[in-house]
Amino acid sequence: MWHIMQKFSRKLGSMTDFPQIKVALQNVIYNSLTPVEFEEGWAEVVETFKLKEAKESYKWLVGLYNQREMWIPAYVKHIFWAGMQTTQRVESINSFFDGYLKKNTRLYQFAPRYCKAMESRANDEKAADVNCCRFTRSLVGEFAVERKFQKLYTDAKFVEVQIQCMRVCYVTPITSKVVSDVEVEHTVSDKVWVWSKFLRKEISLAGRKRIYVVLFNKETSFAKCDCKHFECHGIMCRHIIKVLDVEDVENVPVGYIVDRWRKDIQRKHTLVKVAYHDPEKTEEVKRYDRIMNAVEPAALRGSLSEQKLDLVIEGIMNIVLRLDESDALSAFGDNEAGALTSGGNRMAIVGTTTPGSVNKPPNSVGDDTTTLTPLLWLKILFRAVV
C-alpha cells in the first residue's frame, strides 16, 4: 500500500493538477467505507480531473483499479489484520535491524546477528509481559468496556481501547430503528479522522462528519458497525461502545474479547525452541547448565586414571554431603542445626574429609578422632533427620 502511494508522484507527477489529484485519490482510497462508495468516488476523481486524457498515467491507474480488491481498504476491512496498518512501511522493520545488520554484512555474519536481533525482540516482549502483570494503566472514563479490557488486555492494546473510549464523546446518536424482534439499527454521526504524516497520529478534520450504522442484537448484546474497525483490527470501535452504553450493556460480550491481545494466557510461540529462544531456559535450568559447565573439565580429567577418578568422586561426595547438611539446616532451623553440627564432643573433633584421605587407614591407636567416610556421613545425617 505504501509503495503504491509513493509511485503517484512518478506516474502522475507530470500533470498540472497533480497535488489536487493526489489529495483527491488519497481521500477516496482511505476514507471509503464500502466498495460502492470507493467506485463512485474513483469515477468522480477520474471525471473531474480528466485523467483519461493522460493515456500513460491513466493506463497505470486502470491497472490499479482492476486489482482494487487486493489493496483498497474498503475491500479488505472484513479481514482481521492482527494490528497491521495498510500504511505500514517496511522501513519500520528495516530500522529495527539497523543496529545488527548493514549493507556490508557478510553471509557468515548474517545468521548470528539475525539471531541476536530476534533475541533482543524476544527479551523486549518478555519484559513487556512482566510490566503488564506488574502495572495497570489508569482508566480515562467509566465505560464497562474500558474496565473489562483493563483487566484482560496487554498495555499496548489497552491503549488502543482507551483511544476509542476517549473519542466516544464525538459520537452523536441520531436515530434508532427496530429492524426485527431482536435487532435494533442505530445511526450515529462521528468526526472524520485522518492520519497526519507530520504529527504521526490521527487527527479530526474540522467541520467534517460522517454517518455510521450500528446493528445491535438484543439477545447476544453483540453489535456490528459498518466501519468494521473491530473486524479489521480486533479493537471495539467508538460507535459500538456508544451503542452498548445507550443500550445499558454492562457485561462485554465474549465475542469482543480477542485472545491474541490478552495478557493472562501463555503465548504458544514462546513454547517453541528456536536459535534465539529456548522456553526451557528457566532460572533453574540456567543454574544447572552453569554447574554442568563447571564440572565438565573435572570429569574429563578424572576419566584419565583410577586415582584421578577417586579424587573427583570423593570431591563430588563431599559437595553432596554439604548440600544435605544445608538442607537439614534449613529444615530444622538454627537451633536444631546447632544441635546437629555439634552433636557432643565426638562430632566436634571430626574434621572434614579431604581428597587425600581416600582409602586412608584409621588413625593410630589411642586417638579418639576418626575420619568419617561419605557413607558414615550419610548414616549420621539420615539418623539426625529421622
Protein backbone atom coordinates (compact mmCIF):
# COMPACT_ATOMS: atom_id res chain seq x y z
CA MET A 1 0.00 0.00 0.00
CA TRP A 2 2.71 2.48 0.97
CA HIS A 3 4.76 1.65 -2.14
CA ILE A 4 1.72 2.21 -4.37
CA MET A 5 1.14 5.65 -2.88
CA GLN A 6 4.80 6.53 -3.37
CA LYS A 7 4.50 5.84 -7.10
CA PHE A 8 1.83 8.50 -7.54
CA SER A 9 4.43 11.26 -7.90
CA ARG A 10 6.37 9.26 -10.51
CA LYS A 11 3.37 8.19 -12.57
CA LEU A 12 1.19 11.31 -12.22
CA GLY A 13 3.71 13.99 -11.27
CA SER A 14 3.87 15.45 -14.76
CA MET A 15 0.20 16.50 -14.65
CA THR A 16 -0.60 20.13 -13.92
CA ASP A 17 -3.08 19.46 -11.10
CA PHE A 18 -1.03 16.69 -9.51
CA PRO A 19 -1.23 17.99 -5.86
CA GLN A 20 -5.03 18.18 -6.05
CA ILE A 21 -5.25 14.82 -7.83
CA LYS A 22 -3.12 13.13 -5.17
CA VAL A 23 -5.23 14.52 -2.32
CA ALA A 24 -8.46 13.50 -4.04
CA LEU A 25 -7.25 9.96 -4.73
CA GLN A 26 -5.96 9.53 -1.16
CA ASN A 27 -9.30 10.69 0.19
CA VAL A 28 -11.17 8.16 -1.94
CA ILE A 29 -8.74 5.33 -1.10
CA TYR A 30 -8.57 5.80 2.67
CA ASN A 31 -11.99 7.26 3.56
CA SER A 32 -14.30 5.00 1.57
CA LEU A 33 -16.24 2.67 3.86
CA THR A 34 -17.74 0.41 1.22
CA PRO A 35 -16.66 -0.84 -2.23
CA VAL A 36 -19.59 1.02 -3.82
CA GLU A 37 -18.51 4.27 -2.21
CA PHE A 38 -14.95 3.78 -3.45
CA GLU A 39 -16.02 3.03 -7.03
CA GLU A 40 -18.23 6.10 -7.15
CA GLY A 41 -15.51 8.31 -5.66
CA TRP A 42 -12.85 6.93 -8.04
CA ALA A 43 -15.05 7.59 -11.09
CA GLU A 44 -15.71 11.12 -9.86
CA VAL A 45 -11.98 11.87 -9.50
CA VAL A 46 -11.25 10.50 -12.98
CA GLU A 47 -14.03 12.60 -14.45
CA THR A 48 -13.24 15.80 -12.52
CA PHE A 49 -9.54 15.92 -13.41
CA LYS A 50 -9.98 14.40 -16.92
CA LEU A 51 -7.43 11.70 -16.20
CA LYS A 52 -8.41 9.73 -19.32
CA GLU A 53 -6.63 12.30 -21.45
CA ALA A 54 -3.24 11.32 -19.93
CA LYS A 55 -3.00 7.94 -21.65
CA GLU A 56 0.11 6.55 -19.97
CA SER A 57 -0.88 7.71 -16.49
CA TYR A 58 -4.46 6.58 -16.93
CA LYS A 59 -3.31 3.17 -18.13
CA TRP A 60 -1.39 2.75 -14.87
CA LEU A 61 -4.45 3.85 -12.86
CA VAL A 62 -6.65 1.37 -14.73
CA GLY A 63 -4.26 -1.43 -13.76
CA LEU A 64 -4.55 -0.41 -10.10
CA TYR A 65 -8.32 -0.15 -10.33
CA ASN A 66 -8.64 -3.63 -11.82
CA GLN A 67 -6.78 -5.04 -8.81
CA ARG A 68 -8.64 -2.91 -6.25
CA GLU A 69 -9.87 -5.94 -4.28
CA MET A 70 -6.25 -6.67 -3.30
CA TRP A 71 -5.18 -3.29 -1.86
CA ILE A 72 -8.08 -0.89 -1.31
CA PRO A 73 -9.02 -0.83 2.43
CA ALA A 74 -12.76 -0.82 1.68
CA TYR A 75 -12.41 -4.30 0.14
CA VAL A 76 -10.36 -5.86 2.93
CA LYS A 77 -11.84 -4.31 6.08
CA HIS A 78 -13.69 -7.53 6.87
CA ILE A 79 -10.35 -9.37 7.17
CA PHE A 80 -8.51 -9.47 10.50
CA TRP A 81 -5.04 -7.92 10.03
CA ALA A 82 -3.65 -8.59 13.52
CA GLY A 83 -2.79 -4.95 14.16
CA MET A 84 -1.07 -4.28 10.82
CA GLN A 85 -1.87 -1.00 9.11
CA THR A 86 -2.46 -0.51 5.39
CA THR A 87 0.04 2.37 5.50
CA GLN A 88 2.66 0.35 7.36
CA ARG A 89 6.13 0.79 5.91
CA VAL A 90 8.72 -1.93 5.67
CA GLU A 91 11.22 0.73 6.74
CA SER A 92 9.99 0.35 10.32
CA ILE A 93 11.21 -3.25 10.22
CA ASN A 94 14.42 -2.27 8.48
CA SER A 95 15.18 0.27 11.20
CA PHE A 96 14.92 -2.49 13.79
CA PHE A 97 17.74 -4.42 12.10
CA ASP A 98 19.93 -1.35 11.56
CA GLY A 99 21.76 -1.97 14.82
CA TYR A 100 22.60 -5.54 13.82
CA LEU A 101 22.76 -5.79 10.02
CA LYS A 102 24.32 -3.47 7.46
CA LYS A 103 24.69 -3.49 3.71
CA ASN A 104 28.27 -4.76 4.02
CA THR A 105 27.37 -7.60 6.41
CA ARG A 106 28.84 -10.85 5.14
CA LEU A 107 26.85 -14.02 4.74
CA TYR A 108 28.59 -15.89 7.56
CA GLN A 109 27.82 -12.94 9.88
CA PHE A 110 24.14 -12.76 8.98
CA ALA A 111 22.86 -15.80 10.94
CA PRO A 112 24.38 -14.96 14.37
CA ARG A 113 23.48 -11.27 14.06
CA TYR A 114 19.96 -12.07 12.99
CA CYS A 115 19.57 -14.39 15.97
CA LYS A 116 20.90 -11.67 18.24
CA ALA A 117 18.37 -9.19 16.86
CA MET A 118 15.50 -11.62 17.32
CA GLU A 119 16.69 -12.47 20.82
CA SER A 120 16.55 -8.77 21.65
CA ARG A 121 13.00 -8.62 20.33
CA ALA A 122 12.02 -11.70 22.36
CA ASN A 123 13.54 -10.20 25.52
CA ASP A 124 11.65 -6.94 24.93
CA GLU A 125 8.40 -8.86 24.61
CA LYS A 126 9.16 -10.77 27.78
CA ALA A 127 9.87 -7.54 29.66
CA ALA A 128 6.64 -6.04 28.31
CA ASP A 129 4.69 -9.06 29.55
CA VAL A 130 6.23 -8.65 33.00
CA ASN A 131 5.30 -4.96 33.08
CA CYS A 132 1.73 -5.78 32.06
CA CYS A 133 1.42 -8.04 35.09
CA ARG A 134 3.03 -5.54 37.48
CA PHE A 135 1.45 -2.27 36.36
CA THR A 136 -2.08 -1.27 35.33
CA ARG A 137 -2.92 1.83 33.31
CA SER A 138 -5.50 4.16 34.83
CA LEU A 139 -8.98 4.49 33.37
CA VAL A 140 -9.93 7.53 31.32
CA GLY A 141 -13.69 7.02 31.64
CA GLU A 142 -16.40 4.95 33.25
CA PHE A 143 -17.29 2.64 30.38
CA ALA A 144 -17.82 -1.04 31.19
CA VAL A 145 -15.76 -1.87 28.10
CA GLU A 146 -12.74 0.01 29.40
CA ARG A 147 -12.91 -1.60 32.84
CA LYS A 148 -13.15 -5.06 31.28
CA PHE A 149 -10.21 -4.67 28.93
CA GLN A 150 -8.09 -3.04 31.62
CA LYS A 151 -8.05 -6.40 33.37
CA LEU A 152 -7.64 -8.57 30.27
CA TYR A 153 -5.58 -6.83 27.59
CA THR A 154 -1.89 -6.05 27.37
CA ASP A 155 -0.93 -2.44 27.94
CA ALA A 156 -0.28 -1.72 24.26
CA LYS A 157 -3.72 -2.96 23.21
CA PHE A 158 -5.46 -1.37 26.17
CA VAL A 159 -4.10 1.98 24.96
CA GLU A 160 -5.91 1.40 21.65
CA VAL A 161 -9.12 0.67 23.56
CA GLN A 162 -8.71 3.89 25.53
CA ILE A 163 -8.28 5.90 22.32
CA GLN A 164 -11.67 4.65 21.17
CA CYS A 165 -13.18 5.38 24.59
CA MET A 166 -11.87 8.95 24.53
CA ARG A 167 -13.38 9.53 21.08
CA VAL A 168 -16.84 8.38 22.16
CA CYS A 169 -17.54 11.98 23.16
CA TYR A 170 -17.53 12.91 19.46
CA VAL A 171 -20.12 10.24 18.60
CA THR A 172 -23.70 11.51 18.50
CA PRO A 173 -26.73 9.21 18.26
CA ILE A 174 -29.11 10.28 15.51
CA THR A 175 -31.82 7.67 15.08
CA SER A 176 -32.76 4.26 16.41
CA LYS A 177 -34.92 1.89 14.35
CA VAL A 178 -36.27 -1.55 15.25
CA VAL A 179 -35.39 -3.94 12.46
CA SER A 180 -36.74 -7.17 13.98
CA ASP A 181 -37.75 -8.64 17.32
CA VAL A 182 -34.12 -8.89 18.42
CA GLU A 183 -32.27 -6.34 16.25
CA VAL A 184 -32.09 -2.57 16.51
CA GLU A 185 -30.38 -0.32 13.97
CA HIS A 186 -28.61 2.70 15.44
CA THR A 187 -27.43 5.60 13.30
CA VAL A 188 -24.68 7.76 14.74
CA SER A 189 -22.51 10.62 13.48
CA ASP A 190 -18.81 10.99 14.11
CA LYS A 191 -15.94 13.24 13.14
CA VAL A 192 -13.76 12.27 10.21
CA TRP A 193 -10.36 11.11 11.43
CA VAL A 194 -7.33 11.04 9.12
CA TRP A 195 -3.68 10.14 9.59
CA SER A 196 -1.25 13.06 9.72
CA LYS A 197 2.21 12.10 8.47
CA PHE A 198 3.65 15.22 10.11
CA LEU A 199 2.14 14.69 13.58
CA ARG A 200 2.31 10.90 13.15
CA LYS A 201 -1.14 10.41 14.64
CA GLU A 202 -4.80 10.56 13.68
CA ILE A 203 -6.44 13.98 13.73
CA SER A 204 -10.03 15.08 13.15
CA LEU A 205 -10.98 17.29 10.21
CA ALA A 206 -12.76 20.41 11.43
CA GLY A 207 -16.35 20.69 10.27
CA ARG A 208 -16.46 17.25 8.64
CA LYS A 209 -18.65 14.47 9.99
CA ARG A 210 -19.70 11.05 8.81
CA ILE A 211 -22.70 8.80 9.38
CA TYR A 212 -22.25 5.23 10.65
CA VAL A 213 -24.82 2.46 11.07
CA VAL A 214 -24.56 0.04 14.01
CA LEU A 215 -26.75 -3.08 14.11
CA PHE A 216 -27.36 -4.23 17.71
CA ASN A 217 -28.66 -7.68 18.72
CA LYS A 218 -30.62 -7.64 21.99
CA GLU A 219 -30.26 -11.36 22.68
CA THR A 220 -26.48 -11.60 22.29
CA SER A 221 -25.69 -7.93 23.11
CA PHE A 222 -23.41 -8.05 20.06
CA ALA A 223 -23.21 -5.11 17.66
CA LYS A 224 -21.76 -4.68 14.18
CA CYS A 225 -20.62 -1.36 12.77
CA ASP A 226 -20.14 -0.61 9.09
CA CYS A 227 -16.75 0.96 9.85
CA LYS A 228 -15.55 -2.64 10.50
CA HIS A 229 -12.84 -1.47 12.87
CA PHE A 230 -13.30 -4.49 15.12
CA GLU A 231 -13.28 -6.98 12.24
CA CYS A 232 -10.08 -5.46 10.83
CA HIS A 233 -8.08 -4.50 13.94
CA GLY A 234 -9.64 -6.58 16.73
CA ILE A 235 -10.47 -3.49 18.82
CA MET A 236 -14.02 -2.29 19.50
CA CYS A 237 -14.79 0.95 17.70
CA ARG A 238 -16.16 4.01 19.47
CA HIS A 239 -19.52 3.61 17.68
CA ILE A 240 -20.11 0.16 19.18
CA ILE A 241 -19.00 1.41 22.61
CA LYS A 242 -21.53 4.24 22.33
CA VAL A 243 -24.35 1.88 21.32
CA LEU A 244 -23.56 -0.55 24.15
CA ASP A 245 -23.66 2.38 26.57
CA VAL A 246 -27.01 3.55 25.16
CA GLU A 247 -28.41 0.01 25.45
CA ASP A 248 -27.16 -0.23 29.08
CA VAL A 249 -24.96 -3.26 28.38
CA GLU A 250 -22.66 -3.74 31.40
CA ASN A 251 -21.11 -7.09 30.51
CA VAL A 252 -18.86 -7.10 27.46
CA PRO A 253 -19.85 -9.93 25.08
CA VAL A 254 -17.28 -12.69 24.82
CA GLY A 255 -17.12 -12.21 21.06
CA TYR A 256 -15.33 -8.89 21.53
CA ILE A 257 -12.53 -10.38 23.64
CA VAL A 258 -9.65 -11.37 21.35
CA ASP A 259 -7.36 -13.95 22.95
CA ARG A 260 -4.46 -12.61 20.88
CA TRP A 261 -4.42 -9.39 22.94
CA ARG A 262 -4.85 -10.96 26.40
CA LYS A 263 -2.11 -10.82 29.00
CA ASP A 264 -3.32 -13.76 31.10
CA ILE A 265 -2.65 -16.53 28.57
CA GLN A 266 0.52 -18.33 27.53
CA ARG A 267 1.59 -17.35 24.04
CA LYS A 268 2.14 -20.53 22.07
CA HIS A 269 5.06 -19.21 20.05
CA THR A 270 7.04 -18.75 23.28
CA LEU A 271 6.91 -22.52 23.81
CA VAL A 272 8.78 -23.20 20.56
CA LYS A 273 12.52 -23.69 20.87
CA VAL A 274 14.45 -21.65 18.29
CA ALA A 275 18.02 -20.46 17.95
CA TYR A 276 17.38 -17.24 19.86
CA HIS A 277 14.82 -18.50 22.39
CA ASP A 278 14.61 -21.64 24.50
CA PRO A 279 11.42 -21.87 26.62
CA GLU A 280 13.13 -24.40 28.89
CA LYS A 281 15.81 -21.89 29.87
CA THR A 282 14.29 -21.09 33.24
CA GLU A 283 16.48 -19.81 36.07
CA GLU A 284 16.72 -23.33 37.45
CA VAL A 285 17.81 -24.71 34.09
CA LYS A 286 20.36 -21.92 33.68
CA ARG A 287 21.89 -22.74 37.07
CA TYR A 288 22.02 -26.40 36.10
CA ASP A 289 23.84 -25.51 32.88
CA ARG A 290 26.40 -23.47 34.84
CA ILE A 291 27.05 -26.41 37.15
CA MET A 292 27.50 -28.79 34.23
CA ASN A 293 29.91 -26.42 32.53
CA ALA A 294 31.94 -26.15 35.74
CA VAL A 295 32.00 -29.92 36.36
CA GLU A 296 32.81 -30.97 32.81
CA PRO A 297 36.59 -30.14 32.98
CA ALA A 298 36.95 -32.13 36.21
CA ALA A 299 35.06 -35.05 34.70
CA LEU A 300 37.34 -35.08 31.65
CA ARG A 301 40.50 -35.06 33.76
CA GLY A 302 39.12 -37.59 36.24
CA SER A 303 38.48 -40.09 33.48
CA LEU A 304 42.21 -40.31 32.67
CA SER A 305 43.08 -42.67 35.55
CA GLU A 306 41.59 -44.52 38.51
CA GLN A 307 43.42 -42.33 41.04
CA LYS A 308 42.06 -39.14 39.50
CA LEU A 309 38.63 -40.74 39.28
CA ASP A 310 38.70 -41.39 43.05
CA LEU A 311 39.63 -37.75 43.69
CA VAL A 312 36.72 -36.47 41.59
CA ILE A 313 34.21 -38.90 43.11
CA GLU A 314 35.24 -38.01 46.65
CA GLY A 315 35.05 -34.31 45.86
CA ILE A 316 31.55 -34.74 44.50
CA MET A 317 30.53 -36.77 47.55
CA ASN A 318 31.79 -34.00 49.82
CA ILE A 319 29.72 -31.49 47.86
CA VAL A 320 26.65 -33.70 48.14
CA LEU A 321 27.15 -34.03 51.89
CA ARG A 322 27.47 -30.27 52.27
CA LEU A 323 24.25 -29.82 50.29
CA ASP A 324 22.49 -32.37 52.51
CA GLU A 325 23.75 -30.56 55.57
CA SER A 326 22.47 -27.28 54.14
CA ASP A 327 19.05 -28.82 53.51
CA ALA A 328 19.00 -30.21 57.04
CA LEU A 329 19.84 -26.80 58.47
CA SER A 330 17.05 -25.21 56.51
CA ALA A 331 14.55 -27.86 57.56
CA PHE A 332 15.24 -27.93 61.30
CA GLY A 333 16.08 -24.28 61.86
CA ASP A 334 19.04 -22.69 63.55
CA ASN A 335 18.55 -24.39 66.92
CA GLU A 336 18.21 -27.86 65.52
CA ALA A 337 21.08 -27.16 63.14
CA GLY A 338 23.32 -26.22 66.06
CA ALA A 339 22.50 -29.48 67.80
CA LEU A 340 23.10 -31.40 64.61
CA THR A 341 26.51 -29.88 63.88
CA SER A 342 27.73 -30.02 67.49
CA GLY A 343 26.34 -33.42 68.49
CA GLY A 344 28.68 -33.62 71.50
CA ASN A 345 32.46 -33.56 71.61
CA ARG A 346 32.74 -36.65 69.48
CA MET A 347 31.39 -34.96 66.33
CA ALA A 348 33.03 -31.66 67.13
CA ILE A 349 36.52 -33.12 66.72
CA VAL A 350 35.74 -34.75 63.42
CA GLY A 351 37.37 -32.88 60.56
CA THR A 352 36.14 -32.58 57.04
CA THR A 353 37.36 -35.27 54.72
CA THR A 354 39.79 -34.23 52.06
CA PRO A 355 40.68 -35.78 48.73
CA GLY A 356 43.93 -37.06 50.27
CA SER A 357 42.07 -39.23 52.76
CA VAL A 358 40.69 -41.65 50.18
CA ASN A 359 41.17 -45.27 51.35
CA LYS A 360 43.30 -43.92 54.22
CA PRO A 361 43.69 -46.27 57.20
CA PRO A 362 42.25 -45.26 60.57
CA ASN A 363 44.30 -43.06 62.91
CA SER A 364 46.78 -44.59 65.33
CA VAL A 365 45.64 -46.40 68.43
CA GLY A 366 44.77 -44.13 71.32
CA ASP A 367 43.46 -41.35 69.09
CA ASP A 368 39.70 -40.99 69.54
CA THR A 369 39.34 -38.97 66.35
CA THR A 370 38.04 -40.98 63.43
CA THR A 371 37.87 -39.99 59.79
CA LEU A 372 34.31 -40.19 58.53
CA THR A 373 33.78 -41.67 55.10
CA PRO A 374 30.98 -40.43 52.90
CA LEU A 375 28.93 -43.48 53.83
CA LEU A 376 29.24 -42.69 57.56
CA TRP A 377 28.28 -39.06 56.88
CA LEU A 378 25.14 -40.21 55.12
CA LYS A 379 24.25 -42.52 58.01
CA ILE A 380 24.72 -39.72 60.57
CA LEU A 381 22.59 -37.29 58.55
CA PHE A 382 19.92 -39.93 57.99
CA ARG A 383 19.67 -40.67 61.73
CA ALA A 384 19.57 -36.97 62.56
CA VAL A 385 16.74 -36.33 60.10
CA VAL A 386 14.78 -39.36 61.26
